[in-house]
Amino acid sequence: MAKGFNKGPAMGGQGGMMQQLQRMQKQMEEAQAKLAEETVSATAGGGAIKVTMTGDQKCKSVEISPEFLKDADAELLQDMVLSAVNMALDQSRELQQKLMGPLAGGLPF
């Protein structure tokens, strides 16, 4: 028999690793689906601007208080919207890390 072809016990190990990878792939898909459904919200300007984003970083809504528009100029509005979007992105990334991080730690390599 040629060298390298007598790998009986090792095949079981590879099969086990394959099953573990398939199980982790399913868990990752479930976590990604959950991220697409869950939302986070951030506010700026004392709640005058509210941005809602999904866990997979899709912006779902931007709400601006009509009261805020009475006294705000365009530059202030831009700064507040930018701030709220960045805070919502940070929260979305934290949610993603919370849901996906434990799965990445279980990789067999």
PDB file of N, CA and C in Angstrom:
ATOM      1  N   MET A   1       0.858  -1.187   0.000  1.00  0.00           N
ATOM      2  CA  MET A   1       0.000   0.000   0.000  1.00  0.00           C
ATOM      3  C   MET A   1       0.893   1.235   0.000  1.00  0.00           C
ATOM      4  N   ALA A   2       0.524   2.209  -0.758  1.00  0.00           N
ATOM      5  CA  ALA A   2       1.311   3.430  -0.862  1.00  0.00           C
ATOM      6  C   ALA A   2       1.193   4.253   0.426  1.00  0.00           C
ATOM      7  N   LYS A   3       2.249   4.957   0.711  1.00  0.00           N
ATOM      8  CA  LYS A   3       2.234   5.801   1.902  1.00  0.00           C
ATOM      9  C   LYS A   3       1.158   6.883   1.783  1.00  0.00           C
ATOM     10  N   GLY A   4       0.519   7.182   2.899  1.00  0.00           N
ATOM     11  CA  GLY A   4      -0.462   8.257   2.924  1.00  0.00           C
ATOM     12  C   GLY A   4      -1.876   7.816   2.634  1.00  0.00           C
ATOM     13  N   PHE A   5      -2.088   6.526   2.233  1.00  0.00           N
ATOM     14  CA  PHE A   5      -3.444   6.089   1.936  1.00  0.00           C
ATOM     15  C   PHE A   5      -4.095   5.361   3.098  1.00  0.00           C
ATOM     16  N   ASN A   6      -3.344   5.057   4.143  1.00  0.00           N
ATOM     17  CA  ASN A   6      -3.900   4.377   5.305  1.00  0.00           C
ATOM     18  C   ASN A   6      -4.296   5.425   6.350  1.00  0.00           C
ATOM     19  N   LYS A   7      -5.358   6.101   6.091  1.00  0.00           N
ATOM     20  CA  LYS A   7      -5.773   7.226   6.956  1.00  0.00           C
ATOM     21  C   LYS A   7      -7.114   6.955   7.616  1.00  0.00           C
ATOM     22  N   GLY A   8      -7.399   5.722   7.983  1.00  0.00           N
ATOM     23  CA  GLY A   8      -8.677   5.370   8.590  1.00  0.00           C
ATOM     24  C   GLY A   8      -9.074   6.252   9.754  1.00  0.00           C
ATOM     25  N   PRO A   9      -8.307   6.299  10.838  1.00  0.00           N
ATOM     26  CA  PRO A   9      -8.710   7.105  11.990  1.00  0.00           C
ATOM     27  C   PRO A   9      -8.790   8.602  11.676  1.00  0.00           C
ATOM     28  N   ALA A  10      -7.922   9.075  10.787  1.00  0.00           N
ATOM     29  CA  ALA A  10      -7.926  10.501  10.468  1.00  0.00           C
ATOM     30  C   ALA A  10      -9.198  10.890   9.715  1.00  0.00           C
ATOM     31  N   MET A  11      -9.739   9.993   8.892  1.00  0.00           N
ATOM     32  CA  MET A  11     -10.963  10.307   8.152  1.00  0.00           C
ATOM     33  C   MET A  11     -12.107  10.606   9.111  1.00  0.00           C
ATOM     34  N   GLY A  12     -12.181   9.820  10.234  1.00  0.00           N
ATOM     35  CA  GLY A  12     -13.227  10.091  11.215  1.00  0.00           C
ATOM     36  C   GLY A  12     -13.074  11.480  11.784  1.00  0.00           C
ATOM     37  N   GLY A  13     -11.829  11.889  11.998  1.00  0.00           N
ATOM     38  CA  GLY A  13     -11.568  13.233  12.521  1.00  0.00           C
ATOM     39  C   GLY A  13     -11.994  14.301  11.543  1.00  0.00           C
ATOM     40  N   GLN A  14     -11.732  14.068  10.261  1.00  0.00           N
ATOM     41  CA  GLN A  14     -12.129  15.050   9.255  1.00  0.00           C
ATOM     42  C   GLN A  14     -13.650  15.109   9.126  1.00  0.00           C
ATOM     43  N   GLY A  15     -14.287  13.927   9.243  1.00  0.00           N
ATOM     44  CA  GLY A  15     -15.750  13.903   9.179  1.00  0.00           C
ATOM     45  C   GLY A  15     -16.364  14.670  10.335  1.00  0.00           C
ATOM     46  N   GLY A  16     -15.774  14.483  11.528  1.00  0.00           N
ATOM     47  CA  GLY A  16     -16.254  15.217  12.703  1.00  0.00           C
ATOM     48  C   GLY A  16     -16.066  16.709  12.538  1.00  0.00           C
ATOM     49  N   MET A  17     -14.915  17.084  11.967  1.00  0.00           N
ATOM     50  CA  MET A  17     -14.639  18.512  11.746  1.00  0.00           C
ATOM     51  C   MET A  17     -15.621  19.080  10.727  1.00  0.00           C
ATOM     52  N   MET A  18     -15.927  18.276   9.700  1.00  0.00           N
ATOM     53  CA  MET A  18     -16.874  18.725   8.670  1.00  0.00           C
ATOM     54  C   MET A  18     -18.255  18.944   9.277  1.00  0.00           C
ATOM     55  N   GLN A  19     -18.679  18.011  10.143  1.00  0.00           N
ATOM     56  CA  GLN A  19     -19.983  18.175  10.795  1.00  0.00           C
ATOM     57  C   GLN A  19     -19.991  19.427  11.664  1.00  0.00           C
ATOM     58  N   GLN A  20     -18.878  19.663  12.366  1.00  0.00           N
ATOM     59  CA  GLN A  20     -18.786  20.847  13.219  1.00  0.00           C
ATOM     60  C   GLN A  20     -18.859  22.121  12.371  1.00  0.00           C
ATOM     61  N   LEU A  21     -18.178  22.120  11.228  1.00  0.00           N
ATOM     62  CA  LEU A  21     -18.215  23.286  10.338  1.00  0.00           C
ATOM     63  C   LEU A  21     -19.616  23.519   9.784  1.00  0.00           C
ATOM     64  N   GLN A  22     -20.305  22.432   9.414  1.00  0.00           N
ATOM     65  CA  GLN A  22     -21.670  22.573   8.894  1.00  0.00           C
ATOM     66  C   GLN A  22     -22.609  23.107   9.980  1.00  0.00           C
ATOM     67  N   ARG A  23     -22.417  22.633  11.210  1.00  0.00           N
ATOM     68  CA  ARG A  23     -23.242  23.100  12.334  1.00  0.00           C
ATOM     69  C   ARG A  23     -22.971  24.596  12.586  1.00  0.00           C
ATOM     70  N   MET A  24     -21.706  24.979  12.521  1.00  0.00           N
ATOM     71  CA  MET A  24     -21.358  26.393  12.733  1.00  0.00           C
ATOM     72  C   MET A  24     -21.888  27.260  11.596  1.00  0.00           C
ATOM     73  N   GLN A  25     -21.862  26.728  10.373  1.00  0.00           N
ATOM     74  CA  GLN A  25     -22.384  27.482   9.234  1.00  0.00           C
ATOM     75  C   GLN A  25     -23.874  27.747   9.420  1.00  0.00           C
ATOM     76  N   LYS A  26     -24.601  26.742   9.903  1.00  0.00           N
ATOM     77  CA  LYS A  26     -26.029  26.916  10.148  1.00  0.00           C
ATOM     78  C   LYS A  26     -26.261  27.953  11.245  1.00  0.00           C
ATOM     79  N   GLN A  27     -25.446  27.896  12.310  1.00  0.00           N
ATOM     80  CA  GLN A  27     -25.576  28.870  13.396  1.00  0.00           C
ATOM     81  C   GLN A  27     -25.268  30.280  12.900  1.00  0.00           C
ATOM     82  N   MET A  28     -24.277  30.404  12.015  1.00  0.00           N
ATOM     83  CA  MET A  28     -23.931  31.723  11.455  1.00  0.00           C
ATOM     84  C   MET A  28     -25.085  32.255  10.609  1.00  0.00           C
ATOM     85  N   GLU A  29     -25.701  31.403   9.824  1.00  0.00           N
ATOM     86  CA  GLU A  29     -26.826  31.829   8.996  1.00  0.00           C
ATOM     87  C   GLU A  29     -27.999  32.277   9.874  1.00  0.00           C
ATOM     88  N   GLU A  30     -28.236  31.546  10.962  1.00  0.00           N
ATOM     89  CA  GLU A  30     -29.311  31.925  11.880  1.00  0.00           C
ATOM     90  C   GLU A  30     -29.002  33.263  12.557  1.00  0.00           C
ATOM     91  N   ALA A  31     -27.742  33.450  12.943  1.00  0.00           N
ATOM     92  CA  ALA A  31     -27.347  34.707  13.586  1.00  0.00           C
ATOM     93  C   ALA A  31     -27.473  35.875  12.606  1.00  0.00           C
ATOM     94  N   GLN A  32     -27.097  35.647  11.335  1.00  0.00           N
ATOM     95  CA  GLN A  32     -27.209  36.709  10.332  1.00  0.00           C
ATOM     96  C   GLN A  32     -28.670  37.073  10.084  1.00  0.00           C
ATOM     97  N   ALA A  33     -29.546  36.074  10.079  1.00  0.00           N
ATOM     98  CA  ALA A  33     -30.976  36.350   9.905  1.00  0.00           C
ATOM     99  C   ALA A  33     -31.507  37.159  11.090  1.00  0.00           C
ATOM    100  N   LYS A  34     -31.039  36.817  12.285  1.00  0.00           N
ATOM    101  CA  LYS A  34     -31.472  37.547  13.479  1.00  0.00           C
ATOM    102  C   LYS A  34     -30.959  38.991  13.435  1.00  0.00           C
ATOM    103  N   LEU A  35     -29.726  39.170  12.970  1.00  0.00           N
ATOM    104  CA  LEU A  35     -29.166  40.523  12.847  1.00  0.00           C
ATOM    105  C   LEU A  35     -29.979  41.375  11.875  1.00  0.00           C
ATOM    106  N   ALA A  36     -30.460  40.781  10.808  1.00  0.00           N
ATOM    107  CA  ALA A  36     -31.242  41.524   9.818  1.00  0.00           C
ATOM    108  C   ALA A  36     -32.585  41.968  10.393  1.00  0.00           C
ATOM    109  N   GLU A  37     -33.077  41.259  11.414  1.00  0.00           N
ATOM    110  CA  GLU A  37     -34.371  41.598  12.015  1.00  0.00           C
ATOM    111  C   GLU A  37     -34.249  42.565  13.185  1.00  0.00           C
ATOM    112  N   GLU A  38     -33.182  42.434  13.959  1.00  0.00           N
ATOM    113  CA  GLU A  38     -33.041  43.279  15.153  1.00  0.00           C
ATOM    114  C   GLU A  38     -32.612  44.693  14.765  1.00  0.00           C
ATOM    115  N   THR A  39     -33.090  45.659  15.532  1.00  0.00           N
ATOM    116  CA  THR A  39     -32.750  47.046  15.246  1.00  0.00           C
ATOM    117  C   THR A  39     -32.159  47.719  16.484  1.00  0.00           C
ATOM    118  N   VAL A  40     -31.381  48.757  16.222  1.00  0.00           N
ATOM    119  CA  VAL A  40     -30.851  49.624  17.272  1.00  0.00           C
ATOM    120  C   VAL A  40     -31.197  51.051  16.871  1.00  0.00           C
ATOM    121  N   SER A  41     -31.311  51.925  17.856  1.00  0.00           N
ATOM    122  CA  SER A  41     -31.615  53.329  17.575  1.00  0.00           C
ATOM    123  C   SER A  41     -30.657  54.226  18.342  1.00  0.00           C
ATOM    124  N   ALA A  42     -30.287  55.325  17.710  1.00  0.00           N
ATOM    125  CA  ALA A  42     -29.439  56.321  18.344  1.00  0.00           C
ATOM    126  C   ALA A  42     -30.061  57.692  18.122  1.00  0.00           C
ATOM    127  N   THR A  43     -29.887  58.564  19.101  1.00  0.00           N
ATOM    128  CA  THR A  43     -30.426  59.912  18.983  1.00  0.00           C
ATOM    129  C   THR A  43     -29.316  60.943  19.143  1.00  0.00           C
ATOM    130  N   ALA A  44     -29.547  62.109  18.573  1.00  0.00           N
ATOM    131  CA  ALA A  44     -28.639  63.243  18.714  1.00  0.00           C
ATOM    132  C   ALA A  44     -29.488  64.492  18.914  1.00  0.00           C
ATOM    133  N   GLY A  45     -28.848  65.520  19.435  1.00  0.00           N
ATOM    134  CA  GLY A  45     -29.555  66.785  19.651  1.00  0.00           C
ATOM    135  C   GLY A  45     -30.655  66.670  20.686  1.00  0.00           C
ATOM    136  N   GLY A  46     -30.383  65.896  21.729  1.00  0.00           N
ATOM    137  CA  GLY A  46     -31.373  65.748  22.791  1.00  0.00           C
ATOM    138  C   GLY A  46     -32.622  65.000  22.335  1.00  0.00           C
ATOM    139  N   GLY A  47     -32.478  64.130  21.353  1.00  0.00           N
ATOM    140  CA  GLY A  47     -33.604  63.342  20.859  1.00  0.00           C
ATOM    141  C   GLY A  47     -34.271  63.952  19.642  1.00  0.00           C
ATOM    142  N   ALA A  48     -33.755  65.074  19.160  1.00  0.00           N
ATOM    143  CA  ALA A  48     -34.359  65.729  17.999  1.00  0.00           C
ATOM    144  C   ALA A  48     -34.146  64.928  16.714  1.00  0.00           C
ATOM    145  N   ILE A  49     -33.035  64.172  16.677  1.00  0.00           N
ATOM    146  CA  ILE A  49     -32.720  63.329  15.520  1.00  0.00           C
ATOM    147  C   ILE A  49     -32.656  61.893  16.022  1.00  0.00           C
ATOM    148  N   LYS A  50     -33.345  60.991  15.349  1.00  0.00           N
ATOM    149  CA  LYS A  50     -33.321  59.575  15.728  1.00  0.00           C
ATOM    150  C   LYS A  50     -33.069  58.739  14.480  1.00  0.00           C
ATOM    151  N   VAL A  51     -32.046  57.870  14.561  1.00  0.00           N
ATOM    152  CA  VAL A  51     -31.703  56.977  13.462  1.00  0.00           C
ATOM    153  C   VAL A  51     -31.884  55.539  13.947  1.00  0.00           C
ATOM    154  N   THR A  52     -32.585  54.745  13.148  1.00  0.00           N
ATOM    155  CA  THR A  52     -32.796  53.332  13.467  1.00  0.00           C
ATOM    156  C   THR A  52     -32.117  52.504  12.397  1.00  0.00           C
ATOM    157  N   MET A  53     -31.343  51.512  12.865  1.00  0.00           N
ATOM    158  CA  MET A  53     -30.537  50.694  11.962  1.00  0.00           C
ATOM    159  C   MET A  53     -30.667  49.234  12.351  1.00  0.00           C
ATOM    160  N   THR A  54     -30.560  48.341  11.372  1.00  0.00           N
ATOM    161  CA  THR A  54     -30.614  46.909  11.671  1.00  0.00           C
ATOM    162  C   THR A  54     -29.235  46.426  12.126  1.00  0.00           C
ATOM    163  N   GLY A  55     -29.217  45.214  12.632  1.00  0.00           N
ATOM    164  CA  GLY A  55     -27.956  44.614  13.071  1.00  0.00           C
ATOM    165  C   GLY A  55     -27.007  44.315  11.926  1.00  0.00           C
ATOM    166  N   ASP A  56     -27.523  44.293  10.698  1.00  0.00           N
ATOM    167  CA  ASP A  56     -26.633  44.108   9.554  1.00  0.00           C
ATOM    168  C   ASP A  56     -26.364  45.439   8.842  1.00  0.00           C
ATOM    169  N   GLN A  57     -26.430  46.523   9.597  1.00  0.00           N
ATOM    170  CA  GLN A  57     -26.036  47.880   9.197  1.00  0.00           C
ATOM    171  C   GLN A  57     -26.843  48.445   8.029  1.00  0.00           C
ATOM    172  N   LYS A  58     -28.135  48.194   8.031  1.00  0.00           N
ATOM    173  CA  LYS A  58     -29.009  48.858   7.055  1.00  0.00           C
ATOM    174  C   LYS A  58     -29.826  49.908   7.795  1.00  0.00           C
ATOM    175  N   CYS A  59     -29.772  51.134   7.298  1.00  0.00           N
ATOM    176  CA  CYS A  59     -30.509  52.218   7.931  1.00  0.00           C
ATOM    177  C   CYS A  59     -31.993  52.062   7.593  1.00  0.00           C
ATOM    178  N   LYS A  60     -32.822  51.952   8.624  1.00  0.00           N
ATOM    179  CA  LYS A  60     -34.251  51.733   8.424  1.00  0.00           C
ATOM    180  C   LYS A  60     -35.040  53.040   8.460  1.00  0.00           C
ATOM    181  N   SER A  61     -34.600  53.992   9.291  1.00  0.00           N
ATOM    182  CA  SER A  61     -35.327  55.256   9.344  1.00  0.00           C
ATOM    183  C   SER A  61     -34.463  56.366   9.931  1.00  0.00           C
ATOM    184  N   VAL A  62     -34.805  57.586   9.546  1.00  0.00           N
ATOM    185  CA  VAL A  62     -34.227  58.803  10.123  1.00  0.00           C
ATOM    186  C   VAL A  62     -35.408  59.694  10.469  1.00  0.00           C
ATOM    187  N   GLU A  63     -35.536  60.008  11.746  1.00  0.00           N
ATOM    188  CA  GLU A  63     -36.641  60.860  12.194  1.00  0.00           C
ATOM    189  C   GLU A  63     -36.061  62.178  12.698  1.00  0.00           C
ATOM    190  N   ILE A  64     -36.661  63.268  12.243  1.00  0.00           N
ATOM    191  CA  ILE A  64     -36.225  64.602  12.658  1.00  0.00           C
ATOM    192  C   ILE A  64     -37.430  65.310  13.243  1.00  0.00           C
ATOM    193  N   SER A  65     -37.266  65.808  14.449  1.00  0.00           N
ATOM    194  CA  SER A  65     -38.354  66.521  15.108  1.00  0.00           C
ATOM    195  C   SER A  65     -38.660  67.819  14.364  1.00  0.00           C
ATOM    196  N   PRO A  66     -39.912  68.060  14.032  1.00  0.00           N
ATOM    197  CA  PRO A  66     -40.269  69.318  13.362  1.00  0.00           C
ATOM    198  C   PRO A  66     -39.881  70.543  14.204  1.00  0.00           C
ATOM    199  N   GLU A  67     -39.889  70.401  15.497  1.00  0.00           N
ATOM    200  CA  GLU A  67     -39.494  71.508  16.381  1.00  0.00           C
ATOM    201  C   GLU A  67     -38.033  71.887  16.166  1.00  0.00           C
ATOM    202  N   PHE A  68     -37.187  70.871  15.904  1.00  0.00           N
ATOM    203  CA  PHE A  68     -35.760  71.105  15.696  1.00  0.00           C
ATOM    204  C   PHE A  68     -35.524  71.928  14.432  1.00  0.00           C
ATOM    205  N   LEU A  69     -36.361  71.728  13.423  1.00  0.00           N
ATOM    206  CA  LEU A  69     -36.174  72.423  12.146  1.00  0.00           C
ATOM    207  C   LEU A  69     -36.474  73.920  12.222  1.00  0.00           C
ATOM    208  N   LYS A  70     -37.214  74.313  13.223  1.00  0.00           N
ATOM    209  CA  LYS A  70     -37.566  75.732  13.343  1.00  0.00           C
ATOM    210  C   LYS A  70     -36.349  76.599  13.628  1.00  0.00           C
ATOM    211  N   ASP A  71     -35.423  76.064  14.432  1.00  0.00           N
ATOM    212  CA  ASP A  71     -34.270  76.857  14.846  1.00  0.00           C
ATOM    213  C   ASP A  71     -32.945  76.398  14.250  1.00  0.00           C
ATOM    214  N   ALA A  72     -32.911  75.281  13.542  1.00  0.00           N
ATOM    215  CA  ALA A  72     -31.647  74.730  13.071  1.00  0.00           C
ATOM    216  C   ALA A  72     -31.313  75.199  11.660  1.00  0.00           C
ATOM    217  N   ASP A  73     -30.016  75.389  11.420  1.00  0.00           N
ATOM    218  CA  ASP A  73     -29.594  75.662  10.049  1.00  0.00           C
ATOM    219  C   ASP A  73     -29.127  74.351   9.424  1.00  0.00           C
ATOM    220  N   ALA A  74     -28.851  74.366   8.139  1.00  0.00           N
ATOM    221  CA  ALA A  74     -28.507  73.146   7.412  1.00  0.00           C
ATOM    222  C   ALA A  74     -27.254  72.481   7.975  1.00  0.00           C
ATOM    223  N   GLU A  75     -26.257  73.285   8.329  1.00  0.00           N
ATOM    224  CA  GLU A  75     -24.999  72.712   8.827  1.00  0.00           C
ATOM    225  C   GLU A  75     -25.206  71.999  10.157  1.00  0.00           C
ATOM    226  N   LEU A  76     -25.985  72.578  11.046  1.00  0.00           N
ATOM    227  CA  LEU A  76     -26.270  71.938  12.330  1.00  0.00           C
ATOM    228  C   LEU A  76     -27.047  70.643  12.114  1.00  0.00           C
ATOM    229  N   LEU A  77     -28.016  70.689  11.210  1.00  0.00           N
ATOM    230  CA  LEU A  77     -28.802  69.485  10.902  1.00  0.00           C
ATOM    231  C   LEU A  77     -27.908  68.373  10.354  1.00  0.00           C
ATOM    232  N   GLN A  78     -27.008  68.721   9.456  1.00  0.00           N
ATOM    233  CA  GLN A  78     -26.082  67.732   8.892  1.00  0.00           C
ATOM    234  C   GLN A  78     -25.218  67.112   9.982  1.00  0.00           C
ATOM    235  N   ASP A  79     -24.693  67.940  10.870  1.00  0.00           N
ATOM    236  CA  ASP A  79     -23.847  67.431  11.954  1.00  0.00           C
ATOM    237  C   ASP A  79     -24.622  66.490  12.873  1.00  0.00           C
ATOM    238  N   MET A  80     -25.854  66.838  13.188  1.00  0.00           N
ATOM    239  CA  MET A  80     -26.666  66.005  14.081  1.00  0.00           C
ATOM    240  C   MET A  80     -27.032  64.672  13.432  1.00  0.00           C
ATOM    241  N   VAL A  81     -27.385  64.721  12.149  1.00  0.00           N
ATOM    242  CA  VAL A  81     -27.731  63.479  11.438  1.00  0.00           C
ATOM    243  C   VAL A  81     -26.491  62.591  11.335  1.00  0.00           C
ATOM    244  N   LEU A  82     -25.366  63.178  11.009  1.00  0.00           N
ATOM    245  CA  LEU A  82     -24.121  62.419  10.911  1.00  0.00           C
ATOM    246  C   LEU A  82     -23.772  61.772  12.249  1.00  0.00           C
ATOM    247  N   SER A  83     -23.903  62.531  13.317  1.00  0.00           N
ATOM    248  CA  SER A  83     -23.617  62.006  14.652  1.00  0.00           C
ATOM    249  C   SER A  83     -24.542  60.842  15.002  1.00  0.00           C
ATOM    250  N   ALA A  84     -25.830  60.988  14.743  1.00  0.00           N
ATOM    251  CA  ALA A  84     -26.789  59.919  15.053  1.00  0.00           C
ATOM    252  C   ALA A  84     -26.527  58.679  14.207  1.00  0.00           C
ATOM    253  N   VAL A  85     -26.189  58.862  12.939  1.00  0.00           N
ATOM    254  CA  VAL A  85     -25.895  57.711  12.065  1.00  0.00           C
ATOM    255  C   VAL A  85     -24.666  56.967  12.582  1.00  0.00           C
ATOM    256  N   ASN A  86     -23.626  57.706  12.934  1.00  0.00           N
ATOM    257  CA  ASN A  86     -22.411  57.050  13.426  1.00  0.00           C
ATOM    258  C   ASN A  86     -22.655  56.326  14.749  1.00  0.00           C
ATOM    259  N   MET A  87     -23.447  56.893  15.629  1.00  0.00           N
ATOM    260  CA  MET A  87     -23.770  56.213  16.887  1.00  0.00           C
ATOM    261  C   MET A  87     -24.595  54.948  16.625  1.00  0.00           C
ATOM    262  N   ALA A  88     -25.527  55.028  15.689  1.00  0.00           N
ATOM    263  CA  ALA A  88     -26.329  53.850  15.352  1.00  0.00           C
ATOM    264  C   ALA A  88     -25.457  52.763  14.725  1.00  0.00           C
ATOM    265  N   LEU A  89     -24.496  53.168  13.898  1.00  0.00           N
ATOM    266  CA  LEU A  89     -23.567  52.190  13.322  1.00  0.00           C
ATOM    267  C   LEU A  89     -22.749  51.508  14.410  1.00  0.00           C
ATOM    268  N   ASP A  90     -22.271  52.280  15.371  1.00  0.00           N
ATOM    269  CA  ASP A  90     -21.503  51.690  16.486  1.00  0.00           C
ATOM    270  C   ASP A  90     -22.352  50.676  17.241  1.00  0.00           C
ATOM    271  N   GLN A  91     -23.598  51.038  17.530  1.00  0.00           N
ATOM    272  CA  GLN A  91     -24.480  50.114  18.258  1.00  0.00           C
ATOM    273  C   GLN A  91     -24.767  48.865  17.429  1.00  0.00           C
ATOM    274  N   SER A  92     -24.931  49.048  16.130  1.00  0.00           N
ATOM    275  CA  SER A  92     -25.195  47.913  15.248  1.00  0.00           C
ATOM    276  C   SER A  92     -23.991  46.967  15.219  1.00  0.00           C
ATOM    277  N   ARG A  93     -22.799  47.532  15.179  1.00  0.00           N
ATOM    278  CA  ARG A  93     -21.583  46.697  15.192  1.00  0.00           C
ATOM    279  C   ARG A  93     -21.443  45.963  16.521  1.00  0.00           C
ATOM    280  N   GLU A  94     -21.796  46.627  17.609  1.00  0.00           N
ATOM    281  CA  GLU A  94     -21.753  45.963  18.923  1.00  0.00           C
ATOM    282  C   GLU A  94     -22.734  44.795  18.965  1.00  0.00           C
ATOM    283  N   LEU A  95     -23.925  45.002  18.413  1.00  0.00           N
ATOM    284  CA  LEU A  95     -24.914  43.922  18.354  1.00  0.00           C
ATOM    285  C   LEU A  95     -24.388  42.770  17.504  1.00  0.00           C
ATOM    286  N   GLN A  96     -23.759  43.111  16.381  1.00  0.00           N
ATOM    287  CA  GLN A  96     -23.196  42.086  15.509  1.00  0.00           C
ATOM    288  C   GLN A  96     -22.105  41.294  16.240  1.00  0.00           C
ATOM    289  N   GLN A  97     -21.252  41.997  16.943  1.00  0.00           N
ATOM    290  CA  GLN A  97     -20.182  41.325  17.699  1.00  0.00           C
ATOM    291  C   GLN A  97     -20.766  40.422  18.779  1.00  0.00           C
ATOM    292  N   LYS A  98     -21.825  40.886  19.414  1.00  0.00           N
ATOM    293  CA  LYS A  98     -22.477  40.111  20.473  1.00  0.00           C
ATOM    294  C   LYS A  98     -23.060  38.810  19.928  1.00  0.00           C
ATOM    295  N   LEU A  99     -23.678  38.876  18.742  1.00  0.00           N
ATOM    296  CA  LEU A  99     -24.326  37.696  18.175  1.00  0.00           C
ATOM    297  C   LEU A  99     -23.372  36.800  17.391  1.00  0.00           C
ATOM    298  N   MET A 100     -22.404  37.388  16.716  1.00  0.00           N
ATOM    299  CA  MET A 100     -21.521  36.603  15.852  1.00  0.00           C
ATOM    300  C   MET A 100     -20.190  36.255  16.522  1.00  0.00           C
ATOM    301  N   GLY A 101     -19.753  37.028  17.482  1.00  0.00           N
ATOM    302  CA  GLY A 101     -18.457  36.809  18.114  1.00  0.00           C
ATOM    303  C   GLY A 101     -18.286  35.429  18.712  1.00  0.00           C
ATOM    304  N   PRO A 102     -19.256  34.953  19.495  1.00  0.00           N
ATOM    305  CA  PRO A 102     -19.096  33.616  20.089  1.00  0.00           C
ATOM    306  C   PRO A 102     -18.980  32.516  19.037  1.00  0.00           C
ATOM    307  N   LEU A 103     -19.595  32.700  17.871  1.00  0.00           N
ATOM    308  CA  LEU A 103     -19.511  31.681  16.816  1.00  0.00           C
ATOM    309  C   LEU A 103     -18.114  31.640  16.213  1.00  0.00           C
ATOM    310  N   ALA A 104     -17.512  32.789  16.019  1.00  0.00           N
ATOM    311  CA  ALA A 104     -16.175  32.842  15.446  1.00  0.00           C
ATOM    312  C   ALA A 104     -15.147  32.230  16.396  1.00  0.00           C
ATOM    313  N   GLY A 105     -15.402  32.309  17.691  1.00  0.00           N
ATOM    314  CA  GLY A 105     -14.483  31.730  18.677  1.00  0.00           C
ATOM    315  C   GLY A 105     -14.506  30.219  18.687  1.00  0.00           C
ATOM    316  N   GLY A 106     -15.507  29.593  18.091  1.00  0.00           N
ATOM    317  CA  GLY A 106     -15.617  28.144  18.089  1.00  0.00           C
ATOM    318  C   GLY A 106     -15.029  27.475  16.865  1.00  0.00           C
ATOM    319  N   LEU A 107     -14.338  28.249  16.031  1.00  0.00           N
ATOM    320  CA  LEU A 107     -13.756  27.652  14.830  1.00  0.00           C
ATOM    321  C   LEU A 107     -12.680  26.641  15.216  1.00  0.00           C
ATOM    322  N   PRO A 108     -12.655  25.481  14.548  1.00  0.00           N
ATOM    323  CA  PRO A 108     -11.704  24.444  14.919  1.00  0.00           C
ATOM    324  C   PRO A 108     -10.300  24.664  14.400  1.00  0.00           C
ATOM    325  N   PHE A 109      -9.970  25.791  13.814  1.00  0.00           N
ATOM    326  CA  PHE A 109      -8.606  26.043  13.336  1.00  0.00           C
ATOM    327  C   PHE A 109      -8.135  27.399  13.754  1.00  0.00           C
TER     328      PHE A 109
END
